[in-house]
């Protein structure tokens, strides 16, 4: 069983925090196009939620990954996608590799303040010409004595305008593309780091997303996470937690939209009865509820495997793929039942429609998830058949 009675108290505490400290402000933050990350993260850090499964010697709780997954699921109750995504970047996207592979020195400098909520982190992988194709990144960190000198740029960086440091993937040699990359912690106030612009996005409006340039940015090599040249491998491992986190964060968000749609269609009248009374509507909502439960089962199974120390690449990839596809289908169907009101910004279904679209893009597009699965199945063109030498 993934969750036990030990999860109940932190779950209730997080639910209470979301209801009191986040949801009352979401509309304001969505309108502003940003939320106060330092203020909110400090509150979460004080409660211990930014390091549930991080090492205790750096301020974490030292718990297993099931607690991080519990948190991701509860964050889905936030009435927008941007804020939970930003929190997830801090806990499950920018810091897992640092916590797992970083030296004690670099973890004291970057991980400890991220866990405490004293600093905001972001993750720098994607570039204008290399989104899901991570191996093709061009940002380069040239060796110069005890330093790296970084040049290049990153795109679609969540928390980018407010971050104190970035977990940056850069080429540290000219070798093979899967063995020439390193992850480096770069303070955002370092000379040569430029936040070029805050992006104007379709959804996730309350989350600030930036384009960032690096112009001869000099950082000490001690800021590198783990071994030089292992950055691609570290990032692929980090992606599994990110993808599983993203799927878990969809569960309560999807349920919220189904329930909101039930309430609205029950009260909305047309042709002498409620919209909900139409079989096509209540049958479809029952199908969607079933799909959410199927996704939950997949997420929980993957979570149990991860806690047990198993490779969850296959299950996490499936969960990410399914969460993105389901988000698109579910919000599109529900928006249709809201009629004209579904096409206005004042309804939750329109926000969910916009926000959920990112799940099929961020952290690896659907097509990349399918490529990963086909490789594991031995069906990708050019690969040997599964089970053959």
Protein backbone atom coordinates (compact mmCIF):
# COMPACT_ATOMS: atom_id res chain seq x y z
CA UNK A 1 0.00 0.00 0.00
CA UNK A 2 1.45 3.37 -1.04
CA UNK A 3 -0.24 5.51 1.63
CA UNK A 4 -0.72 4.64 5.31
CA UNK A 5 -2.09 6.34 8.41
CA UNK A 6 1.28 8.10 8.71
CA UNK A 7 0.39 10.15 5.64
CA UNK A 8 -2.88 11.42 7.11
CA UNK A 9 -1.57 14.23 9.28
CA UNK A 10 0.74 15.85 6.69
CA UNK A 11 -2.06 15.47 4.15
CA UNK A 12 -4.53 17.30 6.43
CA UNK A 13 -1.96 19.99 7.17
CA UNK A 14 -1.33 20.58 3.48
CA UNK A 15 -5.05 20.66 2.69
CA UNK A 16 -5.54 23.26 5.40
CA UNK A 17 -2.62 25.33 4.08
CA UNK A 18 -3.94 25.27 0.52
CA UNK A 19 -7.41 26.35 1.64
CA UNK A 20 -6.10 29.21 3.79
CA UNK A 21 -2.91 30.43 2.10
CA UNK A 22 -3.21 29.63 -1.62
CA UNK A 23 -6.71 29.25 -3.06
CA UNK A 24 -8.04 32.60 -1.71
CA UNK A 25 -5.29 34.36 -3.71
CA UNK A 26 -5.28 32.35 -6.93
CA UNK A 27 -7.54 34.68 -8.92
CA UNK A 28 -5.37 37.66 -7.98
CA UNK A 29 -2.18 35.82 -8.94
CA UNK A 30 -3.68 34.64 -12.22
CA UNK A 31 -4.60 38.22 -13.08
CA UNK A 32 -1.14 39.48 -12.16
CA UNK A 33 0.60 36.74 -14.13
CA UNK A 34 2.84 35.89 -11.16
CA UNK A 35 2.63 34.79 -7.52
CA UNK A 36 4.97 35.70 -4.62
CA UNK A 37 7.19 32.62 -4.76
CA UNK A 38 9.59 33.62 -1.98
CA UNK A 39 6.76 34.37 0.44
CA UNK A 40 4.80 31.21 -0.35
CA UNK A 41 7.82 28.91 -0.48
CA UNK A 42 9.05 30.17 2.89
CA UNK A 43 5.72 29.23 4.46
CA UNK A 44 5.87 25.79 2.84
CA UNK A 45 9.49 25.40 3.94
CA UNK A 46 8.63 26.28 7.53
CA UNK A 47 6.05 23.47 7.48
CA UNK A 48 8.59 21.01 6.06
CA UNK A 49 6.87 20.50 2.71
CA UNK A 50 9.80 21.46 0.46
CA UNK A 51 11.99 18.58 1.60
CA UNK A 52 9.73 15.68 2.48
CA UNK A 53 11.99 13.08 0.88
CA UNK A 54 15.24 15.05 1.08
CA UNK A 55 18.18 14.25 3.41
CA UNK A 56 17.72 15.32 7.03
CA UNK A 57 21.27 16.67 7.22
CA UNK A 58 20.27 19.42 4.79
CA UNK A 59 16.93 20.21 6.40
CA UNK A 60 14.75 17.57 4.78
CA UNK A 61 12.38 15.14 6.45
CA UNK A 62 14.17 12.02 5.21
CA UNK A 63 10.89 10.32 4.26
CA UNK A 64 10.35 8.04 1.28
CA UNK A 65 8.96 9.18 -2.06
CA UNK A 66 5.38 8.26 -1.15
CA UNK A 67 5.20 11.49 0.88
CA UNK A 68 6.30 13.56 -2.11
CA UNK A 69 3.65 11.82 -4.20
CA UNK A 70 1.03 12.54 -1.54
CA UNK A 71 2.00 16.20 -1.69
CA UNK A 72 1.79 16.27 -5.48
CA UNK A 73 -1.71 14.79 -5.40
CA UNK A 74 -2.90 17.32 -2.80
CA UNK A 75 -1.44 20.24 -4.76
CA UNK A 76 -3.93 19.31 -7.47
CA UNK A 77 -6.60 20.86 -5.23
CA UNK A 78 -5.11 24.29 -5.92
CA UNK A 79 -7.55 26.03 -8.27
CA UNK A 80 -4.99 26.70 -10.99
CA UNK A 81 -2.12 24.81 -12.57
CA UNK A 82 0.61 27.42 -12.33
CA UNK A 83 1.22 27.49 -8.57
CA UNK A 84 1.45 23.71 -8.08
CA UNK A 85 3.75 23.47 -11.08
CA UNK A 86 6.06 26.10 -9.59
CA UNK A 87 6.14 24.25 -6.28
CA UNK A 88 6.85 21.00 -8.11
CA UNK A 89 9.82 22.58 -9.85
CA UNK A 90 11.28 23.38 -6.42
CA UNK A 91 10.68 19.95 -4.92
CA UNK A 92 10.77 17.41 -7.76
CA UNK A 93 12.43 18.95 -10.81
CA UNK A 94 15.32 21.24 -9.84
CA UNK A 95 16.51 19.45 -6.70
CA UNK A 96 16.29 15.61 -6.96
CA UNK A 97 19.63 15.22 -8.76
CA UNK A 98 21.24 17.71 -6.38
CA UNK A 99 19.95 15.78 -3.37
CA UNK A 100 21.04 12.44 -4.82
CA UNK A 101 24.38 13.20 -6.47
CA UNK A 102 25.59 16.58 -5.18
CA UNK A 103 28.58 16.99 -2.90
CA UNK A 104 27.94 18.02 0.70
CA UNK A 105 29.35 21.46 -0.11
CA UNK A 106 27.03 22.12 -3.03
CA UNK A 107 24.05 20.70 -1.14
CA UNK A 108 24.71 23.01 1.79
CA UNK A 109 24.89 25.99 -0.54
CA UNK A 110 21.88 25.26 -2.76
CA UNK A 111 19.76 22.38 -1.47
CA UNK A 112 19.47 23.46 2.17
CA UNK A 113 18.07 26.95 1.41
CA UNK A 114 15.70 25.47 -1.21
CA UNK A 115 14.33 23.03 1.38
CA UNK A 116 13.98 25.84 3.94
CA UNK A 117 12.15 28.04 1.43
CA UNK A 118 14.83 30.72 1.72
CA UNK A 119 15.68 30.40 -1.98
CA UNK A 120 13.67 29.70 -5.12
CA UNK A 121 15.07 27.22 -7.63
CA UNK A 122 14.47 26.65 -11.32
CA UNK A 123 15.59 24.01 -13.79
CA UNK A 124 17.36 24.93 -17.04
CA UNK A 125 17.20 22.17 -19.64
CA UNK A 126 15.07 23.29 -22.60
CA UNK A 127 16.37 25.68 -25.24
CA UNK A 128 14.71 27.34 -28.26
CA UNK A 129 16.15 24.63 -30.51
CA UNK A 130 16.11 21.77 -28.03
CA UNK A 131 12.93 21.20 -26.08
CA UNK A 132 12.15 17.52 -25.73
CA UNK A 133 15.38 16.64 -27.59
CA UNK A 134 17.61 17.12 -24.55
CA UNK A 135 20.70 15.67 -26.23
CA UNK A 136 20.71 18.57 -28.72
CA UNK A 137 21.20 21.42 -26.23
CA UNK A 138 23.84 23.99 -27.23
CA UNK A 139 24.55 25.82 -23.95
CA UNK A 140 28.23 25.23 -23.23
CA UNK A 141 30.28 25.41 -20.04
CA UNK A 142 33.96 25.78 -21.01
CA UNK A 143 36.59 24.67 -18.53
CA UNK A 144 38.87 27.48 -17.34
CA UNK A 145 41.02 26.38 -14.42
CA UNK A 146 38.79 25.83 -11.41
CA UNK A 147 35.83 27.50 -13.13
CA UNK A 148 33.31 26.95 -15.88
CA UNK A 149 32.53 29.79 -18.29
CA UNK A 150 28.97 29.38 -19.51
CA UNK A 151 27.46 30.69 -22.75
CA UNK A 152 24.07 29.98 -24.25
CA UNK A 153 20.42 30.32 -23.40
CA UNK A 154 17.47 28.52 -21.87
CA UNK A 155 13.78 28.78 -22.69
CA UNK A 156 10.46 28.11 -20.89
CA UNK A 157 12.04 28.30 -17.45
CA UNK A 158 9.41 28.03 -14.68
CA UNK A 159 10.17 30.32 -11.70
CA UNK A 160 12.75 31.96 -13.96
CA UNK A 161 12.09 35.61 -13.06
CA UNK A 162 12.09 34.97 -9.30
CA UNK A 163 14.67 32.20 -8.93
CA UNK A 164 17.80 32.52 -6.81
CA UNK A 165 19.60 29.70 -8.62
CA UNK A 166 19.18 27.47 -11.63
CA UNK A 167 20.02 23.78 -12.00
CA UNK A 168 21.58 24.14 -15.43
CA UNK A 169 22.27 21.39 -17.96
CA UNK A 170 25.21 22.37 -20.17
CA UNK A 171 27.75 20.75 -22.46
CA UNK A 172 31.07 20.52 -20.60
CA UNK A 173 32.96 18.80 -23.40
CA UNK A 174 32.74 18.09 -27.12
CA UNK A 175 32.29 14.35 -26.65
CA UNK A 176 29.28 12.12 -27.44
CA UNK A 177 26.04 13.97 -26.73
CA UNK A 178 24.89 11.57 -24.02
CA UNK A 179 28.21 11.77 -22.15
CA UNK A 180 29.31 15.39 -22.58
CA UNK A 181 26.81 17.16 -20.32
CA UNK A 182 26.87 18.23 -16.69
CA UNK A 183 24.37 19.67 -14.23
CA UNK A 184 25.65 22.87 -12.61
CA UNK A 185 24.07 25.05 -9.91
CA UNK A 186 24.30 28.66 -11.09
CA UNK A 187 23.27 31.60 -8.84
CA UNK A 188 20.97 33.84 -10.87
CA UNK A 189 22.73 36.99 -9.65
CA UNK A 190 26.00 35.87 -11.21
CA UNK A 191 27.41 38.39 -13.67
CA UNK A 192 26.33 37.55 -17.22
CA UNK A 193 23.03 35.87 -16.31
CA UNK A 194 20.24 37.79 -17.97
CA UNK A 195 16.50 37.17 -17.64
CA UNK A 196 15.61 38.30 -21.14
CA UNK A 197 11.84 38.29 -20.81
CA UNK A 198 8.86 36.88 -18.98
CA UNK A 199 6.86 34.80 -21.41
CA UNK A 200 3.17 35.48 -22.09
CA UNK A 201 1.60 32.02 -21.95
CA UNK A 202 -1.73 30.47 -22.95
CA UNK A 203 -2.20 28.92 -19.52
CA UNK A 204 -0.39 28.51 -16.20
CA UNK A 205 -0.82 32.27 -15.96
CA UNK A 206 0.14 32.61 -12.28
CA UNK A 207 3.50 30.94 -12.86
CA UNK A 208 6.32 33.15 -14.15
CA UNK A 209 8.17 31.60 -17.08
CA UNK A 210 11.35 33.13 -18.48
CA UNK A 211 13.84 33.11 -21.29
CA UNK A 212 17.36 33.31 -19.87
CA UNK A 213 20.72 34.09 -21.50
CA UNK A 214 24.21 33.26 -20.24
CA UNK A 215 27.02 35.51 -21.44
CA UNK A 216 30.46 34.42 -20.19
CA UNK A 217 28.98 33.39 -16.85
CA UNK A 218 31.80 32.22 -14.57
CA UNK A 219 30.99 29.73 -11.80
CA UNK A 220 33.29 27.47 -9.77
CA UNK A 221 33.46 23.83 -10.81
CA UNK A 222 32.54 22.88 -7.26
CA UNK A 223 28.98 23.94 -8.22
CA UNK A 224 28.74 20.92 -10.50
CA UNK A 225 26.34 18.17 -9.40
CA UNK A 226 28.17 14.84 -9.29
CA UNK A 227 30.57 13.74 -11.99
CA UNK A 228 31.40 15.72 -15.09
CA UNK A 229 29.80 14.26 -18.19
CA UNK A 230 27.02 12.50 -16.25
CA UNK A 231 24.51 15.33 -16.51
CA UNK A 232 22.38 13.70 -19.20
CA UNK A 233 22.04 10.54 -17.11
CA UNK A 234 21.26 12.53 -13.97
CA UNK A 235 18.63 14.52 -15.83
CA UNK A 236 16.97 11.39 -17.23
CA UNK A 237 16.72 10.02 -13.68
CA UNK A 238 15.38 13.38 -12.52
CA UNK A 239 12.80 13.31 -15.30
CA UNK A 240 11.19 10.17 -13.88
CA UNK A 241 10.27 11.94 -10.64
CA UNK A 242 9.15 14.99 -12.58
CA UNK A 243 6.88 12.96 -14.85
CA UNK A 244 5.38 10.95 -12.02
CA UNK A 245 4.88 14.14 -10.00
CA UNK A 246 3.11 15.75 -12.95
CA UNK A 247 0.70 12.82 -13.33
CA UNK A 248 -0.09 12.77 -9.61
CA UNK A 249 -0.79 16.51 -9.59
CA UNK A 250 -3.49 16.00 -12.23
CA UNK A 251 -5.66 13.65 -10.16
CA UNK A 252 -7.48 16.04 -7.85
CA UNK A 253 -7.44 18.76 -10.49
CA UNK A 254 -9.36 16.48 -12.85
CA UNK A 255 -11.78 15.45 -10.12
CA UNK A 256 -12.45 19.08 -9.27
CA UNK A 257 -13.44 19.88 -12.86
CA UNK A 258 -15.71 16.83 -13.08
CA UNK A 259 -17.50 17.82 -9.86
CA UNK A 260 -17.74 21.48 -10.88
CA UNK A 261 -19.24 20.39 -14.19
CA UNK A 262 -21.77 18.15 -12.44
CA UNK A 263 -22.87 21.08 -10.26
CA UNK A 264 -23.13 23.47 -13.19
CA UNK A 265 -24.95 21.12 -15.56
CA UNK A 266 -27.38 20.11 -12.81
CA UNK A 267 -28.40 23.74 -12.33
CA UNK A 268 -28.31 24.77 -15.98
CA UNK A 269 -31.64 24.25 -17.76
CA UNK A 270 -32.34 23.72 -21.44
CA UNK A 271 -35.30 22.23 -23.34
CA UNK A 272 -37.29 21.62 -20.18
CA UNK A 273 -34.67 19.86 -18.10
CA UNK A 274 -31.16 20.12 -16.72
CA UNK A 275 -28.17 19.61 -18.97
CA UNK A 276 -27.04 16.83 -16.62
CA UNK A 277 -30.21 14.84 -17.33
CA UNK A 278 -29.04 14.21 -20.89
CA UNK A 279 -27.57 10.73 -21.09
CA UNK A 280 -24.67 11.86 -23.26
CA UNK A 281 -23.61 14.21 -20.45
CA UNK A 282 -23.90 12.02 -17.36
CA UNK A 283 -22.52 9.00 -19.21
CA UNK A 284 -19.50 11.00 -20.38
CA UNK A 285 -18.81 12.31 -16.88
CA UNK A 286 -18.97 8.74 -15.57
CA UNK A 287 -16.42 7.70 -18.20
CA UNK A 288 -14.14 10.57 -17.20
CA UNK A 289 -14.39 9.66 -13.52
CA UNK A 290 -13.40 6.11 -14.43
CA UNK A 291 -10.41 7.34 -16.42
CA UNK A 292 -9.20 9.44 -13.48
CA UNK A 293 -9.37 6.39 -11.21
CA UNK A 294 -7.43 4.33 -13.75
CA UNK A 295 -4.76 7.04 -13.86
CA UNK A 296 -4.64 7.07 -10.06
CA UNK A 297 -4.04 3.32 -10.02
CA UNK A 298 -1.17 3.70 -12.48
CA UNK A 299 0.37 6.56 -10.50
CA UNK A 300 0.10 4.67 -7.22
CA UNK A 301 1.60 1.53 -8.76
CA UNK A 302 4.52 3.53 -10.11
CA UNK A 303 4.92 5.21 -6.74
CA UNK A 304 5.05 1.87 -4.94
CA UNK A 305 7.70 0.67 -7.40
CA UNK A 306 9.79 3.80 -6.92
CA UNK A 307 9.65 3.48 -3.13
CA UNK A 308 10.76 -0.14 -3.53
CA UNK A 309 13.82 1.02 -5.48
CA UNK A 310 12.66 -0.25 -8.86
CA UNK A 311 13.21 1.42 -12.23
CA UNK A 312 9.94 3.23 -12.96
CA UNK A 313 10.83 4.60 -16.38
CA UNK A 314 8.10 2.62 -18.10
CA UNK A 315 5.33 3.29 -15.58
CA UNK A 316 6.22 6.97 -15.06
CA UNK A 317 6.29 7.48 -18.83
CA UNK A 318 2.88 5.85 -19.21
CA UNK A 319 1.47 7.92 -16.36
CA UNK A 320 2.77 11.17 -17.85
CA UNK A 321 1.41 10.24 -21.29
CA UNK A 322 -2.00 9.26 -19.93
CA UNK A 323 -2.28 12.33 -17.68
CA UNK A 324 -1.66 14.67 -20.60
CA UNK A 325 -4.07 12.92 -22.95
CA UNK A 326 -6.76 12.66 -20.28
CA UNK A 327 -6.39 16.32 -19.34
CA UNK A 328 -7.07 17.36 -22.91
CA UNK A 329 -10.07 15.06 -23.36
CA UNK A 330 -11.62 15.74 -19.97
CA UNK A 331 -11.40 19.52 -19.99
CA UNK A 332 -12.58 19.72 -23.59
CA UNK A 333 -15.64 17.58 -22.84
CA UNK A 334 -16.47 19.45 -19.65
CA UNK A 335 -16.05 22.87 -21.25
CA UNK A 336 -18.55 21.86 -23.92
CA UNK A 337 -21.17 21.20 -21.25
CA UNK A 338 -20.69 24.66 -19.76
CA UNK A 339 -21.75 26.15 -23.10
CA UNK A 340 -21.01 29.85 -23.55
CA UNK A 341 -19.86 30.18 -19.93
CA UNK A 342 -17.14 27.65 -20.62
CA UNK A 343 -15.63 30.10 -23.10
CA UNK A 344 -15.23 32.83 -20.50
CA UNK A 345 -12.26 33.33 -18.22
CA UNK A 346 -14.43 33.51 -15.11
CA UNK A 347 -15.17 29.78 -14.97
CA UNK A 348 -12.84 27.11 -13.56
CA UNK A 349 -13.27 24.86 -16.57
CA UNK A 350 -11.76 27.41 -18.96
CA UNK A 351 -8.70 27.80 -16.72
CA UNK A 352 -8.32 24.04 -16.47
CA UNK A 353 -8.68 23.76 -20.27
CA UNK A 354 -5.75 26.15 -20.74
CA UNK A 355 -3.57 24.90 -17.90
CA UNK A 356 -3.91 21.17 -18.55
CA UNK A 357 -2.62 21.52 -22.11
CA UNK A 358 0.93 21.86 -20.84
CA UNK A 359 0.97 18.34 -19.39
CA UNK A 360 1.35 16.91 -22.91
CA UNK A 361 4.30 19.23 -23.61
CA UNK A 362 6.37 19.95 -20.50
CA UNK A 363 8.78 17.35 -19.13
CA UNK A 364 8.82 15.62 -22.51
CA UNK A 365 6.09 15.81 -25.15
CA UNK A 366 3.62 12.99 -25.71
CA UNK A 367 5.59 11.96 -28.76
CA UNK A 368 8.75 11.57 -26.67
CA UNK A 369 6.83 9.47 -24.14
CA UNK A 370 5.71 7.23 -26.98
CA UNK A 371 9.27 6.96 -28.30
CA UNK A 372 10.51 5.92 -24.85
CA UNK A 373 7.80 3.27 -24.60
CA UNK A 374 8.46 2.00 -28.12
CA UNK A 375 12.17 1.67 -27.33
CA UNK A 376 11.30 -0.40 -24.28
CA UNK A 377 8.91 -2.50 -26.37
CA UNK A 378 11.48 -2.98 -29.13
CA UNK A 379 9.13 -1.56 -31.75
CA UNK A 380 10.94 1.66 -32.63
CA UNK A 381 12.16 1.50 -36.26
CA UNK A 382 15.83 0.58 -36.49
CA UNK A 383 15.84 -1.30 -33.19
CA UNK A 384 16.18 -5.05 -32.78
CA UNK A 385 13.06 -6.96 -31.86
CA UNK A 386 12.23 -7.17 -28.19
CA UNK A 387 13.81 -10.24 -26.59
CA UNK A 388 16.41 -10.74 -29.37
CA UNK A 389 20.14 -10.33 -28.81
